C-alpha atoms as a PDB file:
ATOM      1  CA  MET A   1     133.811  54.112  74.231  1.00  0.00           C
ATOM      2  CA  PRO A   2     134.256  57.352  76.274  1.00  0.00           C
ATOM      3  CA  SER A   3     134.896  57.061  79.993  1.00  0.00           C
ATOM      4  CA  GLY A   4     132.100  57.985  82.234  1.00  0.00           C
ATOM      5  CA  LEU A   5     129.137  56.874  84.476  1.00  0.00           C
ATOM      6  CA  ILE A   6     125.923  55.313  83.411  1.00  0.00           C
ATOM      7  CA  ILE A   7     123.014  55.695  85.862  1.00  0.00           C
ATOM      8  CA  VAL A   8     120.868  52.656  85.525  1.00  0.00           C
ATOM      9  CA  ASP A   9     117.479  52.190  86.945  1.00  0.00           C
ATOM     10  CA  LYS A  10     117.818  48.409  87.745  1.00  0.00           C
ATOM     11  CA  PRO A  11     114.775  46.374  87.299  1.00  0.00           C
ATOM     12  CA  GLY A  12     113.703  43.596  89.674  1.00  0.00           C
ATOM     13  CA  GLY A  13     114.761  40.014  89.267  1.00  0.00           C
ATOM     14  CA  MET A  14     118.333  41.004  87.903  1.00  0.00           C
ATOM     15  CA  THR A  15     121.488  40.822  89.772  1.00  0.00           C
ATOM     16  CA  SER A  16     123.843  43.862  89.706  1.00  0.00           C
ATOM     17  CA  HIS A  17     126.214  41.808  87.776  1.00  0.00           C
ATOM     18  CA  ASP A  18     123.654  40.903  85.215  1.00  0.00           C
ATOM     19  CA  VAL A  19     123.307  44.702  84.596  1.00  0.00           C
ATOM     20  CA  VAL A  20     127.063  44.951  84.167  1.00  0.00           C
ATOM     21  CA  ALA A  21     126.991  42.129  81.684  1.00  0.00           C
ATOM     22  CA  ARG A  22     124.312  44.088  79.758  1.00  0.00           C
ATOM     23  CA  ILE A  23     126.156  47.283  79.697  1.00  0.00           C
ATOM     24  CA  ARG A  24     129.352  45.550  78.570  1.00  0.00           C
ATOM     25  CA  LYS A  25     127.509  44.349  75.459  1.00  0.00           C
ATOM     26  CA  LEU A  26     125.901  47.819  74.761  1.00  0.00           C
ATOM     27  CA  ALA A  27     129.197  49.665  75.266  1.00  0.00           C
ATOM     28  CA  GLY A  28     131.481  47.177  73.570  1.00  0.00           C
ATOM     29  CA  THR A  29     133.995  47.071  76.362  1.00  0.00           C
ATOM     30  CA  ARG A  30     134.622  44.684  79.193  1.00  0.00           C
ATOM     31  CA  ARG A  31     136.005  47.466  81.318  1.00  0.00           C
ATOM     32  CA  VAL A  32     132.705  48.008  83.283  1.00  0.00           C
ATOM     33  CA  GLY A  33     131.822  47.707  87.008  1.00  0.00           C
ATOM     34  CA  HIS A  34     129.197  49.071  89.487  1.00  0.00           C
ATOM     35  CA  ALA A  35     129.290  51.057  92.678  1.00  0.00           C
ATOM     36  CA  GLY A  36     127.273  49.201  95.303  1.00  0.00           C
ATOM     37  CA  THR A  37     125.342  45.976  94.956  1.00  0.00           C
ATOM     38  CA  LEU A  38     121.585  45.951  94.783  1.00  0.00           C
ATOM     39  CA  ASP A  39     119.893  42.594  95.705  1.00  0.00           C
ATOM     40  CA  PRO A  40     117.949  40.877  92.742  1.00  0.00           C
ATOM     41  CA  MET A  41     114.536  41.825  94.459  1.00  0.00           C
ATOM     42  CA  ALA A  42     115.580  45.583  94.688  1.00  0.00           C
ATOM     43  CA  THR A  43     115.154  48.224  91.875  1.00  0.00           C
ATOM     44  CA  GLY A  44     116.544  51.632  91.341  1.00  0.00           C
ATOM     45  CA  VAL A  45     119.765  53.523  91.092  1.00  0.00           C
ATOM     46  CA  LEU A  46     122.795  51.412  90.126  1.00  0.00           C
ATOM     47  CA  VAL A  47     125.801  53.573  89.175  1.00  0.00           C
ATOM     48  CA  VAL A  48     127.835  51.768  86.443  1.00  0.00           C
ATOM     49  CA  GLY A  49     131.254  52.940  85.401  1.00  0.00           C
ATOM     50  CA  VAL A  50     132.756  52.537  81.898  1.00  0.00           C
ATOM     51  CA  GLU A  51     136.397  52.646  81.056  1.00  0.00           C
ATOM     52  CA  LYS A  52     138.480  54.987  83.340  1.00  0.00           C
ATOM     53  CA  ALA A  53     135.436  55.805  85.301  1.00  0.00           C
ATOM     54  CA  THR A  54     135.688  52.291  86.938  1.00  0.00           C
ATOM     55  CA  ARG A  55     138.399  53.793  88.983  1.00  0.00           C
ATOM     56  CA  LEU A  56     135.899  56.135  90.625  1.00  0.00           C
ATOM     57  CA  LEU A  57     133.595  53.384  91.695  1.00  0.00           C
ATOM     58  CA  GLY A  58     135.457  52.229  94.945  1.00  0.00           C
ATOM     59  CA  TYR A  59     135.141  55.879  96.200  1.00  0.00           C
ATOM     60  CA  LEU A  60     131.575  56.340  95.065  1.00  0.00           C
ATOM     61  CA  THR A  61     130.532  53.468  97.269  1.00  0.00           C
ATOM     62  CA  LEU A  62     131.533  55.563 100.347  1.00  0.00           C
ATOM     63  CA  THR A  63     128.786  58.093  99.619  1.00  0.00           C
ATOM     64  CA  GLU A  64     125.352  58.062 101.343  1.00  0.00           C
ATOM     65  CA  LYS A  65     122.412  56.383  99.799  1.00  0.00           C
ATOM     66  CA  GLU A  66     118.629  56.754  99.811  1.00  0.00           C
ATOM     67  CA  TYR A  67     115.946  54.233  99.514  1.00  0.00           C
ATOM     68  CA  ALA A  68     112.032  53.741  99.327  1.00  0.00           C
ATOM     69  CA  ALA A  69     111.223  50.628 101.365  1.00  0.00           C
ATOM     70  CA  THR A  70     108.272  48.628 102.594  1.00  0.00           C
ATOM     71  CA  ILE A  71     108.762  46.626 105.812  1.00  0.00           C
ATOM     72  CA  ARG A  72     106.278  43.917 106.810  1.00  0.00           C
ATOM     73  CA  LEU A  73     106.036  43.492 110.546  1.00  0.00           C
ATOM     74  CA  GLY A  74     104.547  40.254 111.868  1.00  0.00           C
ATOM     75  CA  GLN A  75     106.824  37.815 110.209  1.00  0.00           C
ATOM     76  CA  SER A  76     110.566  37.061 110.017  1.00  0.00           C
ATOM     77  CA  THR A  77     112.201  35.276 107.073  1.00  0.00           C
ATOM     78  CA  SER A  78     115.524  33.477 106.547  1.00  0.00           C
ATOM     79  CA  THR A  79     116.940  36.155 104.364  1.00  0.00           C
ATOM     80  CA  ASP A  80     115.322  39.252 106.040  1.00  0.00           C
ATOM     81  CA  ASP A  81     113.334  39.908 102.726  1.00  0.00           C
ATOM     82  CA  ALA A  82     110.353  38.409 100.898  1.00  0.00           C
ATOM     83  CA  GLU A  83     112.617  35.904  98.908  1.00  0.00           C
ATOM     84  CA  GLY A  84     113.214  33.887 102.071  1.00  0.00           C
ATOM     85  CA  GLU A  85     111.411  31.206 104.006  1.00  0.00           C
ATOM     86  CA  PRO A  86     109.083  32.259 106.900  1.00  0.00           C
ATOM     87  CA  THR A  87     110.949  31.693 110.263  1.00  0.00           C
ATOM     88  CA  GLY A  88     108.438  32.906 112.753  1.00  0.00           C
ATOM     89  CA  GLY A  89     106.644  36.082 113.896  1.00  0.00           C
ATOM     90  CA  ALA A  90     103.773  37.332 115.876  1.00  0.00           C
ATOM     91  CA  ALA A  91     100.741  39.413 115.078  1.00  0.00           C
ATOM     92  CA  ALA A  92     101.637  43.006 114.457  1.00  0.00           C
ATOM     93  CA  SER A  93      98.071  44.339 114.104  1.00  0.00           C
ATOM     94  CA  GLY A  94      98.017  45.851 117.546  1.00  0.00           C
ATOM     95  CA  ILE A  95     101.198  47.931 117.289  1.00  0.00           C
ATOM     96  CA  SER A  96     100.398  51.552 118.027  1.00  0.00           C
ATOM     97  CA  ARG A  97     101.917  54.453 115.926  1.00  0.00           C
ATOM     98  CA  ALA A  98     103.866  55.558 119.060  1.00  0.00           C
ATOM     99  CA  ALA A  99     105.353  52.213 119.510  1.00  0.00           C
ATOM    100  CA  LEU A 100     106.271  52.042 115.739  1.00  0.00           C
ATOM    101  CA  ASP A 101     107.886  55.682 115.992  1.00  0.00           C
ATOM    102  CA  ALA A 102     109.803  54.648 119.077  1.00  0.00           C
ATOM    103  CA  GLY A 103     111.282  51.625 117.335  1.00  0.00           C
ATOM    104  CA  VAL A 104     112.179  53.635 114.233  1.00  0.00           C
ATOM    105  CA  ALA A 105     113.828  56.167 116.506  1.00  0.00           C
ATOM    106  CA  ARG A 106     116.067  53.671 118.032  1.00  0.00           C
ATOM    107  CA  LEU A 107     117.322  52.710 114.557  1.00  0.00           C
ATOM    108  CA  THR A 108     118.055  56.255 113.671  1.00  0.00           C
ATOM    109  CA  GLY A 109     121.575  57.944 113.939  1.00  0.00           C
ATOM    110  CA  GLU A 110     124.834  55.990 114.412  1.00  0.00           C
ATOM    111  CA  ILE A 111     123.846  52.390 115.274  1.00  0.00           C
ATOM    112  CA  SER A 112     125.346  48.949 115.546  1.00  0.00           C
ATOM    113  CA  GLN A 113     124.070  46.730 112.892  1.00  0.00           C
ATOM    114  CA  VAL A 114     124.633  43.035 112.185  1.00  0.00           C
ATOM    115  CA  PRO A 115     124.653  42.341 108.497  1.00  0.00           C
ATOM    116  CA  PRO A 116     122.237  39.708 107.048  1.00  0.00           C
ATOM    117  CA  GLY A 117     123.525  36.152 106.807  1.00  0.00           C
ATOM    118  CA  VAL A 118     122.653  36.105 103.173  1.00  0.00           C
ATOM    119  CA  SER A 119     124.938  39.037 102.092  1.00  0.00           C
ATOM    120  CA  ALA A 120     127.990  39.408  99.903  1.00  0.00           C
ATOM    121  CA  ILE A 121     130.373  40.030 102.895  1.00  0.00           C
ATOM    122  CA  LYS A 122     133.386  37.787 102.633  1.00  0.00           C
ATOM    123  CA  VAL A 123     134.115  35.423 105.449  1.00  0.00           C
ATOM    124  CA  GLY A 124     137.457  33.396 105.280  1.00  0.00           C
ATOM    125  CA  GLY A 125     137.470  34.302 101.642  1.00  0.00           C
ATOM    126  CA  GLN A 126     133.907  33.192 100.790  1.00  0.00           C
ATOM    127  CA  ARG A 127     130.722  35.110 100.446  1.00  0.00           C
ATOM    128  CA  ALA A 128     128.505  34.891 103.473  1.00  0.00           C
ATOM    129  CA  TYR A 129     125.452  34.017 101.273  1.00  0.00           C
ATOM    130  CA  LYS A 130     127.164  31.056  99.865  1.00  0.00           C
ATOM    131  CA  LEU A 131     128.085  29.802 103.408  1.00  0.00           C
ATOM    132  CA  THR A 132     124.574  30.336 104.613  1.00  0.00           C
ATOM    133  CA  ARG A 133     122.943  28.482 101.667  1.00  0.00           C
ATOM    134  CA  ALA A 134     125.328  25.567 102.293  1.00  0.00           C
ATOM    135  CA  GLY A 135     124.099  25.296 105.855  1.00  0.00           C
ATOM    136  CA  ALA A 136     127.217  26.870 107.482  1.00  0.00           C
ATOM    137  CA  ALA A 137     125.855  30.344 108.313  1.00  0.00           C
ATOM    138  CA  PRO A 138     128.721  32.549 109.675  1.00  0.00           C
ATOM    139  CA  ASP A 139     128.495  34.708 112.688  1.00  0.00           C
ATOM    140  CA  LEU A 140     128.894  38.111 111.359  1.00  0.00           C
ATOM    141  CA  ALA A 141     130.295  40.945 113.395  1.00  0.00           C
ATOM    142  CA  ALA A 142     128.211  43.953 114.073  1.00  0.00           C
ATOM    143  CA  ARG A 143     129.230  47.196 112.192  1.00  0.00           C
ATOM    144  CA  ARG A 144     128.867  50.783 112.955  1.00  0.00           C
ATOM    145  CA  VAL A 145     126.539  52.449 110.388  1.00  0.00           C
ATOM    146  CA  THR A 146     124.611  55.680 110.264  1.00  0.00           C
ATOM    147  CA  VAL A 147     121.001  56.110 109.455  1.00  0.00           C
ATOM    148  CA  TYR A 148     120.558  59.859 108.836  1.00  0.00           C
ATOM    149  CA  GLU A 149     116.944  59.665 108.177  1.00  0.00           C
ATOM    150  CA  PHE A 150     114.277  56.953 108.834  1.00  0.00           C
ATOM    151  CA  ALA A 151     110.884  58.538 107.936  1.00  0.00           C
ATOM    152  CA  VAL A 152     107.727  56.430 108.194  1.00  0.00           C
ATOM    153  CA  GLY A 153     105.119  56.970 105.450  1.00  0.00           C
ATOM    154  CA  GLU A 154     101.975  55.148 105.067  1.00  0.00           C
ATOM    155  CA  VAL A 155     101.146  52.262 107.515  1.00  0.00           C
ATOM    156  CA  ARG A 156      98.690  49.587 106.283  1.00  0.00           C
ATOM    157  CA  PRO A 157      97.211  46.883 108.334  1.00  0.00           C
ATOM    158  CA  CYS A 158      97.171  43.598 106.354  1.00  0.00           C
ATOM    159  CA  GLY A 159      95.554  40.878 108.565  1.00  0.00           C
ATOM    160  CA  ASP A 160      97.919  40.055 111.205  1.00  0.00           C
ATOM    161  CA  TYR A 161     100.681  41.964 109.499  1.00  0.00           C
ATOM    162  CA  LEU A 162     101.443  45.668 109.333  1.00  0.00           C
ATOM    163  CA  ASP A 163     103.081  47.125 106.218  1.00  0.00           C
ATOM    164  CA  VAL A 164     105.290  50.176 106.743  1.00  0.00           C
ATOM    165  CA  ASP A 165     106.438  52.295 103.932  1.00  0.00           C
ATOM    166  CA  ALA A 166     109.656  54.193 104.779  1.00  0.00           C
ATOM    167  CA  ARG A 167     112.120  56.596 103.316  1.00  0.00           C
ATOM    168  CA  ILE A 168     115.682  55.842 104.442  1.00  0.00           C
ATOM    169  CA  ARG A 169     118.880  57.787 104.055  1.00  0.00           C
ATOM    170  CA  CYS A 170     121.985  56.010 105.337  1.00  0.00           C
ATOM    171  CA  SER A 171     125.743  55.610 105.187  1.00  0.00           C
ATOM    172  CA  SER A 172     127.506  53.107 102.908  1.00  0.00           C
ATOM    173  CA  GLY A 173     127.371  49.541 104.347  1.00  0.00           C
ATOM    174  CA  THR A 174     123.936  49.838 105.861  1.00  0.00           C
ATOM    175  CA  TYR A 175     121.537  47.048 105.201  1.00  0.00           C
ATOM    176  CA  ILE A 176     117.884  47.890 104.815  1.00  0.00           C
ATOM    177  CA  ARG A 177     116.941  44.307 105.212  1.00  0.00           C
ATOM    178  CA  ALA A 178     118.678  44.314 108.606  1.00  0.00           C
ATOM    179  CA  LEU A 179     116.821  47.467 109.616  1.00  0.00           C
ATOM    180  CA  ALA A 180     113.495  45.669 108.817  1.00  0.00           C
ATOM    181  CA  ARG A 181     114.581  42.669 110.765  1.00  0.00           C
ATOM    182  CA  ASP A 182     115.751  44.686 113.809  1.00  0.00           C
ATOM    183  CA  LEU A 183     112.549  46.893 113.761  1.00  0.00           C
ATOM    184  CA  GLY A 184     110.522  43.702 113.981  1.00  0.00           C
ATOM    185  CA  ALA A 185     112.651  42.244 116.648  1.00  0.00           C
ATOM    186  CA  ALA A 186     112.395  45.368 118.813  1.00  0.00           C
ATOM    187  CA  LEU A 187     108.586  45.399 118.486  1.00  0.00           C
ATOM    188  CA  GLY A 188     108.405  41.745 119.249  1.00  0.00           C
ATOM    189  CA  THR A 189     106.693  40.797 116.007  1.00  0.00           C
ATOM    190  CA  GLY A 190     109.440  39.878 113.620  1.00  0.00           C
ATOM    191  CA  GLY A 191     109.928  41.836 110.505  1.00  0.00           C
ATOM    192  CA  HIS A 192     111.262  41.524 106.839  1.00  0.00           C
ATOM    193  CA  LEU A 193     111.544  43.699 103.752  1.00  0.00           C
ATOM    194  CA  THR A 194     109.004  43.230 101.011  1.00  0.00           C
ATOM    195  CA  ALA A 195     110.029  46.119  98.556  1.00  0.00           C
ATOM    196  CA  LEU A 196     113.182  48.110  98.091  1.00  0.00           C
ATOM    197  CA  ARG A 197     113.938  50.850  95.533  1.00  0.00           C
ATOM    198  CA  ARG A 198     117.215  52.852  95.845  1.00  0.00           C
ATOM    199  CA  THR A 199     116.447  56.446  94.929  1.00  0.00           C
ATOM    200  CA  ALA A 200     119.908  57.953  95.143  1.00  0.00           C
ATOM    201  CA  VAL A 201     123.528  57.057  95.395  1.00  0.00           C
ATOM    202  CA  GLY A 202     125.467  60.086  96.513  1.00  0.00           C
ATOM    203  CA  PRO A 203     124.565  62.999  94.060  1.00  0.00           C
ATOM    204  CA  TYR A 204     123.024  60.570  91.474  1.00  0.00           C
ATOM    205  CA  ARG A 205     119.163  60.267  91.637  1.00  0.00           C
ATOM    206  CA  LEU A 206     116.470  58.222  90.291  1.00  0.00           C
ATOM    207  CA  GLN A 207     115.508  61.040  88.014  1.00  0.00           C
ATOM    208  CA  GLN A 208     118.799  60.734  86.115  1.00  0.00           C
ATOM    209  CA  ALA A 209     118.479  56.951  85.772  1.00  0.00           C
ATOM    210  CA  HIS A 210     117.749  55.184  82.538  1.00  0.00           C
ATOM    211  CA  SER A 211     116.158  51.808  81.952  1.00  0.00           C
ATOM    212  CA  LEU A 212     118.086  49.056  80.185  1.00  0.00           C
ATOM    213  CA  GLU A 213     115.603  49.386  77.272  1.00  0.00           C
ATOM    214  CA  ASP A 214     116.339  53.115  76.947  1.00  0.00           C
ATOM    215  CA  LEU A 215     120.067  52.561  77.098  1.00  0.00           C
ATOM    216  CA  SER A 216     119.794  49.844  74.358  1.00  0.00           C
ATOM    217  CA  GLU A 217     118.447  52.422  72.112  1.00  0.00           C
ATOM    218  CA  ARG A 218     120.673  55.332  73.186  1.00  0.00           C
ATOM    219  CA  MET A 219     123.617  55.224  75.553  1.00  0.00           C
ATOM    220  CA  GLN A 220     123.369  57.953  78.210  1.00  0.00           C
ATOM    221  CA  LEU A 221     126.653  58.525  79.757  1.00  0.00           C
ATOM    222  CA  THR A 222     127.832  61.234  82.129  1.00  0.00           C
ATOM    223  CA  PRO A 223     131.436  62.173  81.143  1.00  0.00           C
ATOM    224  CA  LEU A 224     134.226  61.516  83.494  1.00  0.00           C
ATOM    225  CA  PRO A 225     134.807  65.055  84.561  1.00  0.00           C
ATOM    226  CA  ALA A 226     131.409  65.867  85.194  1.00  0.00           C
ATOM    227  CA  ALA A 227     130.844  62.561  87.094  1.00  0.00           C
ATOM    228  CA  ALA A 228     133.743  63.433  89.334  1.00  0.00           C
ATOM    229  CA  ALA A 229     132.760  66.934  89.907  1.00  0.00           C
ATOM    230  CA  ALA A 230     129.208  65.944  90.970  1.00  0.00           C
ATOM    231  CA  ALA A 231     130.432  63.218  93.359  1.00  0.00           C
ATOM    232  CA  PHE A 232     133.427  64.857  95.142  1.00  0.00           C
ATOM    233  CA  PRO A 233     134.716  68.265  96.453  1.00  0.00           C
ATOM    234  CA  ARG A 234     136.479  69.970  93.475  1.00  0.00           C
ATOM    235  CA  LEU A 235     139.869  71.681  93.348  1.00  0.00           C
ATOM    236  CA  ASP A 236     141.113  73.543  90.115  1.00  0.00           C
ATOM    237  CA  LEU A 237     144.754  73.555  89.761  1.00  0.00           C
ATOM    238  CA  THR A 238     147.392  75.739  88.026  1.00  0.00           C
ATOM    239  CA  ALA A 239     148.756  74.236  84.809  1.00  0.00           C
ATOM    240  CA  ASP A 240     152.078  73.572  86.591  1.00  0.00           C
ATOM    241  CA  ASP A 241     150.362  71.701  89.511  1.00  0.00           C
ATOM    242  CA  ALA A 242     148.228  69.717  87.227  1.00  0.00           C
ATOM    243  CA  ARG A 243     151.300  68.612  85.279  1.00  0.00           C
ATOM    244  CA  ARG A 244     153.082  67.551  88.455  1.00  0.00           C
ATOM    245  CA  LEU A 245     150.106  65.809  89.806  1.00  0.00           C
ATOM    246  CA  ALA A 246     149.657  63.746  86.658  1.00  0.00           C
ATOM    247  CA  HIS A 247     153.038  62.419  87.308  1.00  0.00           C
ATOM    248  CA  GLY A 248     151.976  61.251  90.742  1.00  0.00           C
ATOM    249  CA  VAL A 249     154.068  64.005  92.522  1.00  0.00           C
ATOM    250  CA  ARG A 250     152.763  65.038  95.964  1.00  0.00           C
ATOM    251  CA  ILE A 251     152.225  68.716  95.814  1.00  0.00           C
ATOM    252  CA  PRO A 252     151.397  71.258  98.537  1.00  0.00           C
ATOM    253  CA  VAL A 253     147.641  72.008  98.964  1.00  0.00           C
ATOM    254  CA  PRO A 254     147.313  75.262  97.001  1.00  0.00           C
ATOM    255  CA  PRO A 255     146.739  78.031  99.530  1.00  0.00           C
ATOM    256  CA  HIS A 256     144.252  79.795  97.280  1.00  0.00           C
ATOM    257  CA  GLY A 257     143.048  77.302  94.771  1.00  0.00           C
ATOM    258  CA  THR A 258     140.571  78.502  92.130  1.00  0.00           C
ATOM    259  CA  ALA A 259     137.158  77.141  92.539  1.00  0.00           C
ATOM    260  CA  SER A 260     135.371  77.455  89.159  1.00  0.00           C
ATOM    261  CA  GLN A 261     131.799  76.639  90.598  1.00  0.00           C
ATOM    262  CA  GLU A 262     129.812  79.445  91.870  1.00  0.00           C
ATOM    263  CA  THR A 263     129.737  79.526  95.645  1.00  0.00           C
ATOM    264  CA  SER A 264     127.657  81.403  98.295  1.00  0.00           C
ATOM    265  CA  PRO A 265     128.977  83.600 100.936  1.00  0.00           C
ATOM    266  CA  PRO A 266     130.349  81.420 103.775  1.00  0.00           C
ATOM    267  CA  ALA A 267     127.931  80.124 106.393  1.00  0.00           C
ATOM    268  CA  PRO A 268     128.305  81.182 110.054  1.00  0.00           C
ATOM    269  CA  GLY A 269     131.381  79.415 111.395  1.00  0.00           C
ATOM    270  CA  VAL A 270     132.891  78.557 108.101  1.00  0.00           C
ATOM    271  CA  ALA A 271     136.277  80.172 107.465  1.00  0.00           C
ATOM    272  CA  PRO A 272     136.633  82.675 104.628  1.00  0.00           C
ATOM    273  CA  GLY A 273     137.794  81.103 101.328  1.00  0.00           C
ATOM    274  CA  ILE A 274     136.064  77.748 102.058  1.00  0.00           C
ATOM    275  CA  ALA A 275     132.967  76.982 100.140  1.00  0.00           C
ATOM    276  CA  SER A 276     130.051  76.254 102.419  1.00  0.00           C
ATOM    277  CA  ALA A 277     128.611  72.786 101.972  1.00  0.00           C
ATOM    278  CA  ALA A 278     125.306  72.427 100.174  1.00  0.00           C
ATOM    279  CA  PRO A 279     122.221  71.513 102.126  1.00  0.00           C
ATOM    280  CA  GLY A 280     122.420  67.881 103.419  1.00  0.00           C
ATOM    281  CA  VAL A 281     126.093  67.474 102.702  1.00  0.00           C
ATOM    282  CA  ALA A 282     127.868  65.772 105.589  1.00  0.00           C
ATOM    283  CA  SER A 283     130.800  68.373 105.594  1.00  0.00           C
ATOM    284  CA  ALA A 284     128.507  70.647 107.503  1.00  0.00           C
ATOM    285  CA  THR A 285     128.339  68.290 110.526  1.00  0.00           C
ATOM    286  CA  PRO A 286     129.914  69.734 113.683  1.00  0.00           C
ATOM    287  CA  GLY A 287     133.341  68.227 114.292  1.00  0.00           C
ATOM    288  CA  ILE A 288     134.088  67.482 110.595  1.00  0.00           C
ATOM    289  CA  ALA A 289     136.836  69.545 109.355  1.00  0.00           C
ATOM    290  CA  PRO A 290     135.852  71.828 106.182  1.00  0.00           C
ATOM    291  CA  PRO A 291     137.777  71.408 102.863  1.00  0.00           C
ATOM    292  CA  ALA A 292     140.853  73.215 102.225  1.00  0.00           C
ATOM    293  CA  PRO A 293     140.732  76.752 100.748  1.00  0.00           C
ATOM    294  CA  GLY A 294     139.904  76.629  97.055  1.00  0.00           C
ATOM    295  CA  ILE A 295     138.135  73.274  97.383  1.00  0.00           C
ATOM    296  CA  THR A 296     134.482  73.478  96.330  1.00  0.00           C
ATOM    297  CA  SER A 297     132.029  71.171  98.164  1.00  0.00           C
ATOM    298  CA  ALA A 298     130.261  68.644  95.917  1.00  0.00           C
ATOM    299  CA  ALA A 299     126.572  68.137  95.535  1.00  0.00           C
ATOM    300  CA  PRO A 300     124.325  66.950  98.352  1.00  0.00           C
ATOM    301  CA  GLY A 301     124.676  63.326  99.097  1.00  0.00           C
ATOM    302  CA  ALA A 302     128.168  63.149  97.813  1.00  0.00           C
ATOM    303  CA  ALA A 303     131.182  61.924  99.830  1.00  0.00           C
ATOM    304  CA  PRO A 304     131.603  63.906 103.060  1.00  0.00           C
ATOM    305  CA  ALA A 305     134.358  66.511 102.832  1.00  0.00           C
ATOM    306  CA  THR A 306     136.772  65.436 105.503  1.00  0.00           C
ATOM    307  CA  PRO A 307     140.646  65.535 105.209  1.00  0.00           C
ATOM    308  CA  GLN A 308     140.433  61.777 104.157  1.00  0.00           C
ATOM    309  CA  THR A 309     137.833  62.527 101.479  1.00  0.00           C
ATOM    310  CA  PRO A 310     138.787  62.034  97.819  1.00  0.00           C
ATOM    311  CA  ILE A 311     139.048  65.493  96.118  1.00  0.00           C
ATOM    312  CA  ALA A 312     138.600  65.731  92.424  1.00  0.00           C
ATOM    313  CA  ALA A 313     141.547  67.808  91.039  1.00  0.00           C
ATOM    314  CA  PHE A 314     141.102  69.440  87.538  1.00  0.00           C
ATOM    315  CA  ALA A 315     143.610  70.996  85.056  1.00  0.00           C
ATOM    316  CA  PRO A 316     142.759  74.536  83.681  1.00  0.00           C
ATOM    317  CA  ASP A 317     141.310  73.032  80.656  1.00  0.00           C
ATOM    318  CA  GLY A 318     138.691  71.059  82.721  1.00  0.00           C
ATOM    319  CA  THR A 319     140.553  67.743  82.366  1.00  0.00           C
ATOM    320  CA  LEU A 320     140.159  65.553  85.374  1.00  0.00           C
ATOM    321  CA  VAL A 321     143.709  64.946  86.575  1.00  0.00           C
ATOM    322  CA  ALA A 322     143.296  62.818  89.583  1.00  0.00           C
ATOM    323  CA  LEU A 323     141.412  61.943  92.751  1.00  0.00           C
ATOM    324  CA  VAL A 324     143.630  62.996  95.645  1.00  0.00           C
ATOM    325  CA  THR A 325     143.538  63.223  99.346  1.00  0.00           C
ATOM    326  CA  GLU A 326     145.107  65.671 101.760  1.00  0.00           C
ATOM    327  CA  GLU A 327     147.919  64.401 104.076  1.00  0.00           C
ATOM    328  CA  SER A 328     150.019  66.600 106.081  1.00  0.00           C
ATOM    329  CA  GLY A 329     149.392  69.735 103.920  1.00  0.00           C
ATOM    330  CA  ARG A 330     150.048  67.903 100.611  1.00  0.00           C
ATOM    331  CA  LEU A 331     147.925  66.212  98.058  1.00  0.00           C
ATOM    332  CA  ARG A 332     148.393  62.462  97.417  1.00  0.00           C
ATOM    333  CA  CYS A 333     147.143  60.840  94.357  1.00  0.00           C
ATOM    334  CA  LEU A 334     144.494  58.127  94.889  1.00  0.00           C
ATOM    335  CA  ALA A 335     143.953  57.572  91.232  1.00  0.00           C
ATOM    336  CA  VAL A 336     145.455  59.466  88.280  1.00  0.00           C
ATOM    337  CA  PHE A 337     143.225  59.891  85.143  1.00  0.00           C
ATOM    338  CA  ALA A 338     145.204  62.289  82.973  1.00  0.00           C
ATOM    339  CA  ASP A 339     148.066  61.165  80.969  1.00  0.00           C
ATOM    340  CA  PRO A 340     151.125  62.922  81.877  1.00  0.00           C
ATOM    341  CA  PRO A 341     153.006  64.855  79.148  1.00  0.00           C
ATOM    342  CA  ARG A 342     155.705  62.633  77.648  1.00  0.00           C
ATOM    343  CA  ALA A 343     158.318  65.355  77.452  1.00  0.00           C
ATOM    344  CA  ALA A 344     157.605  67.305  80.553  1.00  0.00           C
ATOM    345  CA  ALA A 345     159.983  67.264  83.347  1.00  0.00           C
ATOM    346  CA  LEU A 346     158.971  67.621  87.005  1.00  0.00           C
ATOM    347  CA  GLY A 347     159.134  71.276  87.911  1.00  0.00           C
ATOM    348  CA  PRO A 348     160.810  72.670  91.162  1.00  0.00           C
ATOM    349  CA  GLY A 349     159.344  71.454  94.364  1.00  0.00           C
ATOM    350  CA  GLY A 350     158.431  67.920  93.220  1.00  0.00           C
ATOM    351  CA  ASP A 351     159.274  65.389  95.828  1.00  0.00           C
ATOM    352  CA  GLY A 352     158.145  62.090  94.179  1.00  0.00           C
END
């Protein structure tokens, strides 16, 4: 089976692990994983890696994500979603749109969020959801997350409840269930999530996703080089640098790398030779350093281009050599994908 990513439209009622198990059978390999768990109730984009592409997954989880959600105000539950038991609440029918918008605004931007007790976070080596279901719910520490966009759509009264449709774009590690819980708490009514569909993981969108039924008839796989180029800033290397990098050698950041993608003229404030970020890419945020010269920004939603961001380094023939990061003017390999030439010796300048 070739290495690459499969973008799955996960159905409701299945765990993310269930999807991985199904892809293992379809692909005929056990080397399969996913980038970012979706709860059984949730549907939508689940990025699945096959063979060497499994080594991309840990870095893909750092990209931003988008969701379409429905939040029910007026009732809290034990799991912060519709699968839990009701734990209280107060009538939400009298909430004004102004109060709702103010509550949403307080949950937008960089916020401190306590993950749900029923989550996959490990506490003392055990998953939080297992401890909670065993009656020993752990006290989880708040985390800093970023909600880039929390846009309210249709609002529907339903008896004493208020159902709120929302589109949410957020950083990795953000729990949409916790946003529903915290919005309800801020409004004094309680709240929980009744529907969740992930519409994007980094550059991979719902329009690219395939149902398991479709995949059982015809496997749809994004080859490893294309998958990496879509998700991370790209750097095209010389043949010599590609050979050395394939051996794991730290090489100087090329002063004038060749970016094979078409780039627009630099935006105001962006230094010459640095590709401007596409609309919505976090590398355009003030205070974030731009990519090094010759590094082309990835698609919108991909990993923000900072000095610590993985960069996809390519050989002249288009082979993905490695994911690298910049440290003190040199490129350090995070994961090597190209097989180093057996007989090639390291050229001058290699420092191991």
